[in-house]
C-alpha atoms as a PDB file:
ATOM      1  CA  MET A   1     177.051 -60.354 289.662  1.00  0.00           C
ATOM      2  CA  LEU A   2     176.030 -62.432 292.679  1.00  0.00           C
ATOM      3  CA  LEU A   3     178.292 -60.481 295.050  1.00  0.00           C
ATOM      4  CA  ARG A   4     176.947 -57.126 293.849  1.00  0.00           C
ATOM      5  CA  PRO A   5     177.633 -54.665 296.687  1.00  0.00           C
ATOM      6  CA  SER A   6     174.894 -53.673 299.117  1.00  0.00           C
ATOM      7  CA  LEU A   7     174.767 -53.055 302.855  1.00  0.00           C
ATOM      8  CA  GLU A   8     173.260 -56.503 303.427  1.00  0.00           C
ATOM      9  CA  VAL A   9     175.693 -58.347 301.157  1.00  0.00           C
ATOM     10  CA  ASN A  10     178.708 -56.538 302.617  1.00  0.00           C
ATOM     11  CA  GLU A  11     177.643 -57.428 306.163  1.00  0.00           C
ATOM     12  CA  VAL A  12     177.149 -61.097 305.329  1.00  0.00           C
ATOM     13  CA  VAL A  13     180.398 -61.301 303.332  1.00  0.00           C
ATOM     14  CA  GLY A  14     182.336 -59.655 306.170  1.00  0.00           C
ATOM     15  CA  GLY A  15     180.896 -62.108 308.674  1.00  0.00           C
ATOM     16  CA  VAL A  16     181.702 -65.107 306.490  1.00  0.00           C
ATOM     17  CA  LEU A  17     185.272 -63.909 305.891  1.00  0.00           C
ATOM     18  CA  ALA A  18     185.820 -63.250 309.597  1.00  0.00           C
ATOM     19  CA  LYS A  19     184.392 -66.657 310.515  1.00  0.00           C
ATOM     20  CA  ALA A  20     186.580 -68.384 307.918  1.00  0.00           C
ATOM     21  CA  VAL A  21     189.714 -66.788 309.386  1.00  0.00           C
ATOM     22  CA  GLN A  22     188.544 -67.741 312.883  1.00  0.00           C
ATOM     23  CA  HIS A  23     187.766 -71.281 311.705  1.00  0.00           C
ATOM     24  CA  SER A  24     191.366 -71.666 310.484  1.00  0.00           C
ATOM     25  CA  ALA A  25     192.533 -71.514 314.131  1.00  0.00           C
ATOM     26  CA  GLY A  26     195.592 -69.428 313.327  1.00  0.00           C
ATOM     27  CA  GLY A  27     196.361 -71.258 310.101  1.00  0.00           C
ATOM     28  CA  VAL A  28     195.491 -68.226 307.968  1.00  0.00           C
ATOM     29  CA  ARG A  29     196.410 -64.580 308.485  1.00  0.00           C
ATOM     30  CA  LEU A  30     194.622 -61.921 306.433  1.00  0.00           C
ATOM     31  CA  HIS A  31     196.586 -58.969 305.012  1.00  0.00           C
ATOM     32  CA  ALA A  32     194.256 -57.498 302.373  1.00  0.00           C
ATOM     33  CA  PHE A  33     190.977 -58.216 300.592  1.00  0.00           C
ATOM     34  CA  THR A  34     188.473 -56.778 298.161  1.00  0.00           C
ATOM     35  CA  PHE A  35     185.159 -58.148 296.918  1.00  0.00           C
ATOM     36  CA  ALA A  36     183.982 -57.321 293.413  1.00  0.00           C
ATOM     37  CA  SER A  37     180.518 -58.096 292.047  1.00  0.00           C
ATOM     38  CA  ASN A  38     181.552 -61.501 290.670  1.00  0.00           C
ATOM     39  CA  HIS A  39     184.894 -62.403 292.289  1.00  0.00           C
ATOM     40  CA  PHE A  40     187.220 -61.486 295.135  1.00  0.00           C
ATOM     41  CA  HIS A  41     190.926 -61.116 295.874  1.00  0.00           C
ATOM     42  CA  LEU A  42     192.687 -61.989 299.123  1.00  0.00           C
ATOM     43  CA  LEU A  43     196.259 -61.451 300.254  1.00  0.00           C
ATOM     44  CA  VAL A  44     196.940 -64.008 302.976  1.00  0.00           C
ATOM     45  CA  TRP A  45     199.614 -65.932 304.811  1.00  0.00           C
ATOM     46  CA  ALA A  46     198.741 -69.594 305.324  1.00  0.00           C
ATOM     47  CA  ARG A  47     200.374 -72.422 307.271  1.00  0.00           C
ATOM     48  CA  GLY A  48     200.793 -75.730 305.468  1.00  0.00           C
ATOM     49  CA  ALA A  49     197.539 -77.059 304.055  1.00  0.00           C
ATOM     50  CA  SER A  50     195.372 -74.528 305.932  1.00  0.00           C
ATOM     51  CA  LEU A  51     194.635 -72.519 302.796  1.00  0.00           C
ATOM     52  CA  ALA A  52     192.642 -75.323 301.158  1.00  0.00           C
ATOM     53  CA  SER A  53     190.222 -75.778 304.076  1.00  0.00           C
ATOM     54  CA  PHE A  54     189.989 -71.992 304.557  1.00  0.00           C
ATOM     55  CA  MET A  55     188.980 -71.425 300.941  1.00  0.00           C
ATOM     56  CA  GLN A  56     186.530 -74.330 300.993  1.00  0.00           C
ATOM     57  CA  TYR A  57     184.831 -72.887 304.080  1.00  0.00           C
ATOM     58  CA  LEU A  58     184.829 -69.343 302.692  1.00  0.00           C
ATOM     59  CA  ARG A  59     183.503 -70.126 299.222  1.00  0.00           C
ATOM     60  CA  ALA A  60     180.889 -72.602 300.447  1.00  0.00           C
ATOM     61  CA  ASN A  61     179.456 -70.190 303.000  1.00  0.00           C
ATOM     62  CA  LEU A  62     179.526 -67.245 300.611  1.00  0.00           C
ATOM     63  CA  SER A  63     177.497 -69.310 298.152  1.00  0.00           C
ATOM     64  CA  LYS A  64     175.013 -70.415 300.810  1.00  0.00           C
ATOM     65  CA  LYS A  65     174.490 -67.183 302.715  1.00  0.00           C
ATOM     66  CA  VAL A  66     174.822 -64.570 299.981  1.00  0.00           C
ATOM     67  CA  GLY A  67     172.890 -66.943 297.729  1.00  0.00           C
ATOM     68  CA  ARG A  68     169.940 -66.632 300.114  1.00  0.00           C
ATOM     69  CA  LEU A  69     170.095 -62.841 299.850  1.00  0.00           C
ATOM     70  CA  VAL A  70     170.138 -62.788 296.045  1.00  0.00           C
ATOM     71  CA  ASP A  71     167.790 -65.739 295.410  1.00  0.00           C
ATOM     72  CA  TRP A  72     170.437 -68.091 294.024  1.00  0.00           C
ATOM     73  CA  SER A  73     170.940 -71.791 294.731  1.00  0.00           C
ATOM     74  CA  GLY A  74     174.168 -73.668 294.118  1.00  0.00           C
ATOM     75  CA  GLY A  75     177.765 -72.553 293.886  1.00  0.00           C
ATOM     76  CA  PHE A  76     178.925 -69.115 292.751  1.00  0.00           C
ATOM     77  CA  TRP A  77     182.095 -70.158 290.891  1.00  0.00           C
ATOM     78  CA  GLU A  78     182.824 -72.491 287.996  1.00  0.00           C
ATOM     79  CA  ARG A  79     186.559 -72.868 288.594  1.00  0.00           C
ATOM     80  CA  ARG A  80     188.544 -73.806 291.665  1.00  0.00           C
ATOM     81  CA  TYR A  81     190.275 -70.936 293.397  1.00  0.00           C
ATOM     82  CA  SER A  82     193.654 -69.722 292.206  1.00  0.00           C
ATOM     83  CA  ALA A  83     196.432 -69.281 294.779  1.00  0.00           C
ATOM     84  CA  GLU A  84     199.857 -68.011 293.761  1.00  0.00           C
ATOM     85  CA  PRO A  85     202.890 -67.462 296.013  1.00  0.00           C
ATOM     86  CA  VAL A  86     204.329 -63.965 296.381  1.00  0.00           C
ATOM     87  CA  LEU A  87     208.095 -64.325 296.347  1.00  0.00           C
ATOM     88  CA  ASP A  88     209.544 -61.018 297.561  1.00  0.00           C
ATOM     89  CA  ASP A  89     208.669 -57.805 299.385  1.00  0.00           C
ATOM     90  CA  THR A  90     208.469 -55.649 296.264  1.00  0.00           C
ATOM     91  CA  ALA A  91     206.006 -58.059 294.696  1.00  0.00           C
ATOM     92  CA  LEU A  92     204.052 -58.190 297.962  1.00  0.00           C
ATOM     93  CA  VAL A  93     203.513 -54.426 297.959  1.00  0.00           C
ATOM     94  CA  GLY A  94     202.595 -54.724 294.287  1.00  0.00           C
ATOM     95  CA  ARG A  95     199.903 -57.277 295.128  1.00  0.00           C
ATOM     96  CA  LEU A  96     198.510 -54.945 297.793  1.00  0.00           C
ATOM     97  CA  ARG A  97     198.378 -52.180 295.198  1.00  0.00           C
ATOM     98  CA  TYR A  98     196.508 -54.521 292.860  1.00  0.00           C
ATOM     99  CA  VAL A  99     193.923 -55.309 295.544  1.00  0.00           C
ATOM    100  CA  LEU A 100     193.419 -51.641 296.408  1.00  0.00           C
ATOM    101  CA  ALA A 101     193.101 -50.680 292.735  1.00  0.00           C
ATOM    102  CA  HIS A 102     189.959 -52.698 292.202  1.00  0.00           C
ATOM    103  CA  GLY A 103     187.054 -50.609 290.978  1.00  0.00           C
ATOM    104  CA  VAL A 104     189.313 -47.787 289.821  1.00  0.00           C
ATOM    105  CA  LYS A 105     191.415 -49.737 287.324  1.00  0.00           C
ATOM    106  CA  GLU A 106     188.228 -51.124 285.724  1.00  0.00           C
ATOM    107  CA  GLY A 107     186.701 -47.650 285.392  1.00  0.00           C
ATOM    108  CA  LEU A 108     183.877 -48.355 287.844  1.00  0.00           C
ATOM    109  CA  VAL A 109     184.706 -45.592 290.353  1.00  0.00           C
ATOM    110  CA  GLU A 110     187.079 -42.610 290.353  1.00  0.00           C
ATOM    111  CA  LYS A 111     188.617 -43.184 293.786  1.00  0.00           C
ATOM    112  CA  CYS A 112     189.457 -46.386 295.637  1.00  0.00           C
ATOM    113  CA  ALA A 113     187.426 -45.296 298.674  1.00  0.00           C
ATOM    114  CA  GLN A 114     184.311 -44.984 296.485  1.00  0.00           C
ATOM    115  CA  TRP A 115     184.088 -48.714 295.763  1.00  0.00           C
ATOM    116  CA  PRO A 116     180.797 -49.796 297.440  1.00  0.00           C
ATOM    117  CA  GLY A 117     181.838 -53.408 297.997  1.00  0.00           C
ATOM    118  CA  LEU A 118     183.650 -54.857 300.980  1.00  0.00           C
ATOM    119  CA  THR A 119     187.316 -53.872 301.023  1.00  0.00           C
ATOM    120  CA  CYS A 120     190.174 -53.739 303.510  1.00  0.00           C
ATOM    121  CA  LEU A 121     190.865 -50.042 302.826  1.00  0.00           C
ATOM    122  CA  PRO A 122     189.041 -48.686 305.921  1.00  0.00           C
ATOM    123  CA  GLN A 123     191.091 -51.055 308.081  1.00  0.00           C
ATOM    124  CA  LEU A 124     194.383 -50.140 306.425  1.00  0.00           C
ATOM    125  CA  LEU A 125     193.720 -46.439 307.048  1.00  0.00           C
ATOM    126  CA  GLY A 126     192.071 -46.825 310.455  1.00  0.00           C
ATOM    127  CA  ALA A 127     191.428 -49.459 313.102  1.00  0.00           C
ATOM    128  CA  ALA A 128     192.689 -52.867 311.956  1.00  0.00           C
ATOM    129  CA  ARG A 129     189.832 -54.634 313.741  1.00  0.00           C
ATOM    130  CA  ARG A 130     186.270 -54.482 312.441  1.00  0.00           C
ATOM    131  CA  LEU A 131     183.095 -56.186 313.669  1.00  0.00           C
ATOM    132  CA  PHE A 132     180.639 -58.008 311.432  1.00  0.00           C
ATOM    133  CA  HIS A 133     177.777 -60.440 312.022  1.00  0.00           C
ATOM    134  CA  TRP A 134     177.894 -64.169 311.446  1.00  0.00           C
ATOM    135  CA  PHE A 135     174.394 -65.561 311.014  1.00  0.00           C
ATOM    136  CA  ASN A 136     174.356 -68.856 312.881  1.00  0.00           C
ATOM    137  CA  TRP A 137     171.970 -71.072 310.928  1.00  0.00           C
ATOM    138  CA  THR A 138     172.980 -74.121 312.975  1.00  0.00           C
ATOM    139  CA  LYS A 139     171.569 -72.373 316.037  1.00  0.00           C
ATOM    140  CA  ARG A 140     168.407 -71.491 314.113  1.00  0.00           C
ATOM    141  CA  TRP A 141     167.982 -75.086 312.989  1.00  0.00           C
ATOM    142  CA  SER A 142     168.425 -76.417 316.535  1.00  0.00           C
ATOM    143  CA  LYS A 143     165.545 -74.205 317.697  1.00  0.00           C
ATOM    144  CA  ARG A 144     163.104 -75.549 315.109  1.00  0.00           C
ATOM    145  CA  GLY A 145     160.338 -77.617 316.667  1.00  0.00           C
ATOM    146  CA  SER A 146     161.307 -76.585 320.195  1.00  0.00           C
ATOM    147  CA  GLY A 147     158.140 -74.581 320.727  1.00  0.00           C
ATOM    148  CA  SER A 148     159.829 -71.284 319.869  1.00  0.00           C
ATOM    149  CA  ARG A 149     159.071 -69.059 316.873  1.00  0.00           C
ATOM    150  CA  ALA A 150     162.407 -69.979 315.296  1.00  0.00           C
ATOM    151  CA  GLU A 151     160.877 -71.705 312.301  1.00  0.00           C
ATOM    152  CA  GLY A 152     159.070 -68.543 311.297  1.00  0.00           C
ATOM    153  CA  GLU A 153     162.045 -66.239 311.809  1.00  0.00           C
ATOM    154  CA  GLY A 154     164.138 -65.259 308.810  1.00  0.00           C
ATOM    155  CA  ARG A 155     167.615 -66.658 308.362  1.00  0.00           C
ATOM    156  CA  PHE A 156     169.043 -63.167 308.795  1.00  0.00           C
ATOM    157  CA  ALA A 157     167.021 -62.275 311.879  1.00  0.00           C
ATOM    158  CA  GLU A 158     168.860 -60.472 314.660  1.00  0.00           C
ATOM    159  CA  GLN A 159     168.535 -63.415 317.041  1.00  0.00           C
ATOM    160  CA  TRP A 160     170.824 -65.534 314.827  1.00  0.00           C
ATOM    161  CA  ALA A 161     173.441 -62.777 314.414  1.00  0.00           C
ATOM    162  CA  GLU A 162     176.674 -63.295 316.341  1.00  0.00           C
ATOM    163  CA  PRO A 163     179.366 -60.589 316.384  1.00  0.00           C
ATOM    164  CA  VAL A 164     182.666 -61.726 314.901  1.00  0.00           C
ATOM    165  CA  ALA A 165     185.843 -59.663 314.563  1.00  0.00           C
ATOM    166  CA  LEU A 166     187.773 -59.365 311.314  1.00  0.00           C
ATOM    167  CA  GLU A 167     191.361 -58.213 311.688  1.00  0.00           C
ATOM    168  CA  VAL A 168     193.819 -57.218 308.994  1.00  0.00           C
ATOM    169  CA  ALA A 169     197.491 -57.833 309.790  1.00  0.00           C
ATOM    170  CA  PRO A 170     200.280 -55.592 308.446  1.00  0.00           C
ATOM    171  CA  LEU A 171     202.302 -56.897 305.520  1.00  0.00           C
ATOM    172  CA  PRO A 172     205.320 -58.836 306.841  1.00  0.00           C
ATOM    173  CA  CYS A 173     207.645 -56.339 305.149  1.00  0.00           C
ATOM    174  CA  TRP A 174     205.873 -53.460 306.938  1.00  0.00           C
ATOM    175  CA  VAL A 175     205.889 -54.905 310.446  1.00  0.00           C
ATOM    176  CA  GLY A 176     208.821 -52.659 311.412  1.00  0.00           C
ATOM    177  CA  LYS A 177     206.966 -49.521 310.327  1.00  0.00           C
ATOM    178  CA  SER A 178     204.780 -47.451 312.626  1.00  0.00           C
ATOM    179  CA  GLU A 179     201.029 -47.325 312.031  1.00  0.00           C
ATOM    180  CA  GLU A 180     201.400 -43.805 310.655  1.00  0.00           C
ATOM    181  CA  GLU A 181     204.109 -44.937 308.229  1.00  0.00           C
ATOM    182  CA  ARG A 182     202.011 -47.873 307.016  1.00  0.00           C
ATOM    183  CA  GLN A 183     199.007 -45.640 306.438  1.00  0.00           C
ATOM    184  CA  GLY A 184     201.202 -43.170 304.560  1.00  0.00           C
ATOM    185  CA  ALA A 185     202.477 -45.970 302.320  1.00  0.00           C
ATOM    186  CA  VAL A 186     198.895 -47.054 301.583  1.00  0.00           C
ATOM    187  CA  ARG A 187     197.914 -43.492 300.670  1.00  0.00           C
ATOM    188  CA  GLU A 188     200.831 -43.325 298.237  1.00  0.00           C
ATOM    189  CA  LEU A 189     199.571 -46.477 296.522  1.00  0.00           C
ATOM    190  CA  LEU A 190     196.077 -44.994 296.289  1.00  0.00           C
ATOM    191  CA  GLN A 191     197.425 -41.814 294.728  1.00  0.00           C
ATOM    192  CA  GLU A 192     199.313 -43.813 292.101  1.00  0.00           C
ATOM    193  CA  VAL A 193     196.252 -45.879 291.195  1.00  0.00           C
ATOM    194  CA  GLU A 194     193.936 -42.873 290.974  1.00  0.00           C
ATOM    195  CA  ALA A 195     196.448 -40.822 288.962  1.00  0.00           C
ATOM    196  CA  GLU A 196     196.713 -43.629 286.393  1.00  0.00           C
ATOM    197  CA  ALA A 197     192.919 -43.735 286.120  1.00  0.00           C
ATOM    198  CA  ARG A 198     192.688 -39.978 285.568  1.00  0.00           C
ATOM    199  CA  ALA A 199     195.358 -40.180 282.864  1.00  0.00           C
ATOM    200  CA  ARG A 200     193.122 -42.501 280.846  1.00  0.00           C
ATOM    201  CA  GLY A 201     190.610 -39.674 280.574  1.00  0.00           C
ATOM    202  CA  LYS A 202     187.508 -41.871 280.690  1.00  0.00           C
ATOM    203  CA  PRO A 203     184.558 -41.189 283.028  1.00  0.00           C
ATOM    204  CA  ALA A 204     183.851 -43.802 285.696  1.00  0.00           C
ATOM    205  CA  LEU A 205     180.602 -45.745 285.757  1.00  0.00           C
ATOM    206  CA  GLY A 206     179.925 -44.709 289.356  1.00  0.00           C
ATOM    207  CA  ALA A 207     179.094 -46.573 292.563  1.00  0.00           C
ATOM    208  CA  GLN A 208     175.360 -45.990 292.152  1.00  0.00           C
ATOM    209  CA  ALA A 209     175.344 -47.692 288.749  1.00  0.00           C
ATOM    210  CA  VAL A 210     177.348 -50.621 290.146  1.00  0.00           C
ATOM    211  CA  GLN A 211     174.790 -51.147 292.907  1.00  0.00           C
ATOM    212  CA  ALA A 212     171.881 -50.797 290.477  1.00  0.00           C
ATOM    213  CA  GLN A 213     172.906 -53.951 288.586  1.00  0.00           C
ATOM    214  CA  HIS A 214     170.765 -57.037 289.137  1.00  0.00           C
ATOM    215  CA  PRO A 215     172.665 -59.813 290.964  1.00  0.00           C
ATOM    216  CA  HIS A 216     171.746 -62.333 288.254  1.00  0.00           C
ATOM    217  CA  THR A 217     173.339 -60.223 285.521  1.00  0.00           C
ATOM    218  CA  ARG A 218     176.190 -61.955 283.700  1.00  0.00           C
ATOM    219  CA  PRO A 219     179.286 -59.995 282.612  1.00  0.00           C
ATOM    220  CA  GLU A 220     179.427 -59.313 278.877  1.00  0.00           C
ATOM    221  CA  ARG A 221     182.988 -60.641 278.759  1.00  0.00           C
ATOM    222  CA  LEU A 222     184.572 -63.162 281.093  1.00  0.00           C
ATOM    223  CA  LYS A 223     188.292 -62.939 281.756  1.00  0.00           C
ATOM    224  CA  ARG A 224     189.943 -66.270 280.890  1.00  0.00           C
ATOM    225  CA  SER A 225     193.600 -65.326 281.163  1.00  0.00           C
ATOM    226  CA  PRO A 226     196.013 -68.069 282.287  1.00  0.00           C
ATOM    227  CA  ARG A 227     196.824 -68.076 285.960  1.00  0.00           C
ATOM    228  CA  PRO A 228     200.353 -66.990 286.862  1.00  0.00           C
ATOM    229  CA  LEU A 229     202.607 -69.476 288.617  1.00  0.00           C
ATOM    230  CA  GLY A 230     203.584 -66.809 291.134  1.00  0.00           C
ATOM    231  CA  HIS A 231     204.393 -63.138 291.644  1.00  0.00           C
ATOM    232  CA  ALA A 232     207.919 -61.746 291.823  1.00  0.00           C
ATOM    233  CA  SER A 233     209.761 -58.540 291.034  1.00  0.00           C
ATOM    234  CA  THR A 234     212.444 -60.284 288.927  1.00  0.00           C
ATOM    235  CA  ARG A 235     212.369 -62.795 286.073  1.00  0.00           C
ATOM    236  CA  GLN A 236     215.113 -64.799 287.757  1.00  0.00           C
ATOM    237  CA  ALA A 237     212.897 -65.439 290.784  1.00  0.00           C
ATOM    238  CA  LEU A 238     210.078 -66.641 288.536  1.00  0.00           C
ATOM    239  CA  ARG A 239     212.457 -68.943 286.643  1.00  0.00           C
ATOM    240  CA  GLU A 240     213.625 -70.464 289.916  1.00  0.00           C
ATOM    241  CA  LEU A 241     210.014 -70.931 291.022  1.00  0.00           C
ATOM    242  CA  ARG A 242     209.196 -72.685 287.758  1.00  0.00           C
ATOM    243  CA  GLU A 243     212.163 -75.042 288.198  1.00  0.00           C
ATOM    244  CA  GLN A 244     211.141 -75.802 291.788  1.00  0.00           C
ATOM    245  CA  TYR A 245     207.586 -76.508 290.683  1.00  0.00           C
ATOM    246  CA  ARG A 246     208.724 -78.886 287.944  1.00  0.00           C
ATOM    247  CA  ALA A 247     210.868 -80.760 290.463  1.00  0.00           C
ATOM    248  CA  PHE A 248     207.896 -80.920 292.851  1.00  0.00           C
ATOM    249  CA  VAL A 249     205.641 -82.358 290.133  1.00  0.00           C
ATOM    250  CA  ALA A 250     208.229 -84.975 289.140  1.00  0.00           C
ATOM    251  CA  VAL A 251     208.650 -86.224 292.718  1.00  0.00           C
ATOM    252  CA  PHE A 252     204.893 -86.201 293.286  1.00  0.00           C
ATOM    253  CA  ARG A 253     204.129 -88.217 290.154  1.00  0.00           C
ATOM    254  CA  GLU A 254     206.717 -90.839 291.021  1.00  0.00           C
ATOM    255  CA  ALA A 255     205.389 -91.145 294.584  1.00  0.00           C
ATOM    256  CA  ALA A 256     201.780 -91.235 293.368  1.00  0.00           C
ATOM    257  CA  ALA A 257     202.545 -94.100 290.977  1.00  0.00           C
ATOM    258  CA  ARG A 258     204.069 -96.133 293.821  1.00  0.00           C
ATOM    259  CA  TRP A 259     201.147 -95.227 296.105  1.00  0.00           C
ATOM    260  CA  ARG A 260     198.594 -96.468 293.581  1.00  0.00           C
ATOM    261  CA  ARG A 261     200.489 -99.772 293.363  1.00  0.00           C
ATOM    262  CA  GLY A 262     200.010-100.216 297.103  1.00  0.00           C
ATOM    263  CA  ASP A 263     203.359 -98.848 298.339  1.00  0.00           C
ATOM    264  CA  PHE A 264     202.087 -96.614 301.133  1.00  0.00           C
ATOM    265  CA  LEU A 265     205.633 -95.845 302.285  1.00  0.00           C
ATOM    266  CA  ALA A 266     206.175 -93.730 299.171  1.00  0.00           C
ATOM    267  CA  HIS A 267     207.551 -90.304 300.092  1.00  0.00           C
ATOM    268  CA  PHE A 268     205.555 -87.307 298.853  1.00  0.00           C
ATOM    269  CA  PRO A 269     207.043 -83.818 298.657  1.00  0.00           C
ATOM    270  CA  ARG A 270     206.174 -81.371 301.409  1.00  0.00           C
ATOM    271  CA  PHE A 271     202.679 -79.815 301.175  1.00  0.00           C
ATOM    272  CA  ALA A 272     201.517 -82.477 298.706  1.00  0.00           C
ATOM    273  CA  PHE A 273     198.253 -84.392 299.114  1.00  0.00           C
ATOM    274  CA  PRO A 274     198.497 -88.178 298.514  1.00  0.00           C
ATOM    275  CA  PRO A 275     195.859 -89.684 296.195  1.00  0.00           C
ATOM    276  CA  ARG A 276     192.678 -91.041 297.729  1.00  0.00           C
ATOM    277  CA  VAL A 277     192.821 -94.717 298.676  1.00  0.00           C
ATOM    278  CA  VAL A 278     189.866 -97.082 298.220  1.00  0.00           C
ATOM    279  CA  PRO A 279     190.213 -99.994 300.696  1.00  0.00           C
ATOM    280  CA  GLY A 280     190.823-103.320 298.989  1.00  0.00           C
ATOM    281  CA  CYS A 281     191.528-101.799 295.571  1.00  0.00           C
ATOM    282  CA  VAL A 282     194.853-101.575 293.774  1.00  0.00           C
ATOM    283  CA  ALA A 283     194.992 -99.547 290.585  1.00  0.00           C
ATOM    284  CA  GLN A 284     196.360-101.211 287.490  1.00  0.00           C
ATOM    285  CA  VAL A 285     199.214 -99.436 285.763  1.00  0.00           C
ATOM    286  CA  LEU A 286     198.561 -99.549 282.032  1.00  0.00           C
END
């Protein structure tokens, strides 16, 4: 539970997320997010290969900075991140609903707004722009040995805190709606989620109990469900995606085989990453 919600953790997580979006230089646009105690969900638009560097920056800095808060060294996650395309507008709204439902669908809180972790809900129902603090450890390190008191100052001291804005963009399918209409649509999703939770008739754990958990606590059961190839509102769209993916893999494997034999003119499919090349080495094809 290394991301267990607290005021300090939420502030650091918000700053890291905002800095990661800023670091992408327009390559990533954020539409929704929620942070649970041991994982997070993002709904983003990404240009080309920007998502990979964005996620590397985000996950690495979450592990480093939140790790300092909760007395943990090393990475937070065992598996690489999972990124699935959302194929149509209906599925896109469904993914937003899924993000907003966190905490309620697991029986942790009764209402979406009661989740104590960092979530996009305040920005979807209010101002889209929110300020957090990015703790600049590079600046702190540069001050060490300069005669200042930097070495004795904590890593989360105010002098290392830099304000950074985190903005949530409307869903592409909602761009034509007014702000009032978008907020009304979000409230409808919240009502659906909370009504489903009430229908189950089970009491929620409560935000206080969530925050009382020790960060080093491990979940009793880990979810190991297979990752979906994508999200769509029709089976036909998913079938087409599967066919496109198989074609992509076939072209990539053929190009990779030529590349490893030293044919660096081999054509890779769009958005693919060629294999790493070691100078002076040619792989043997067995």
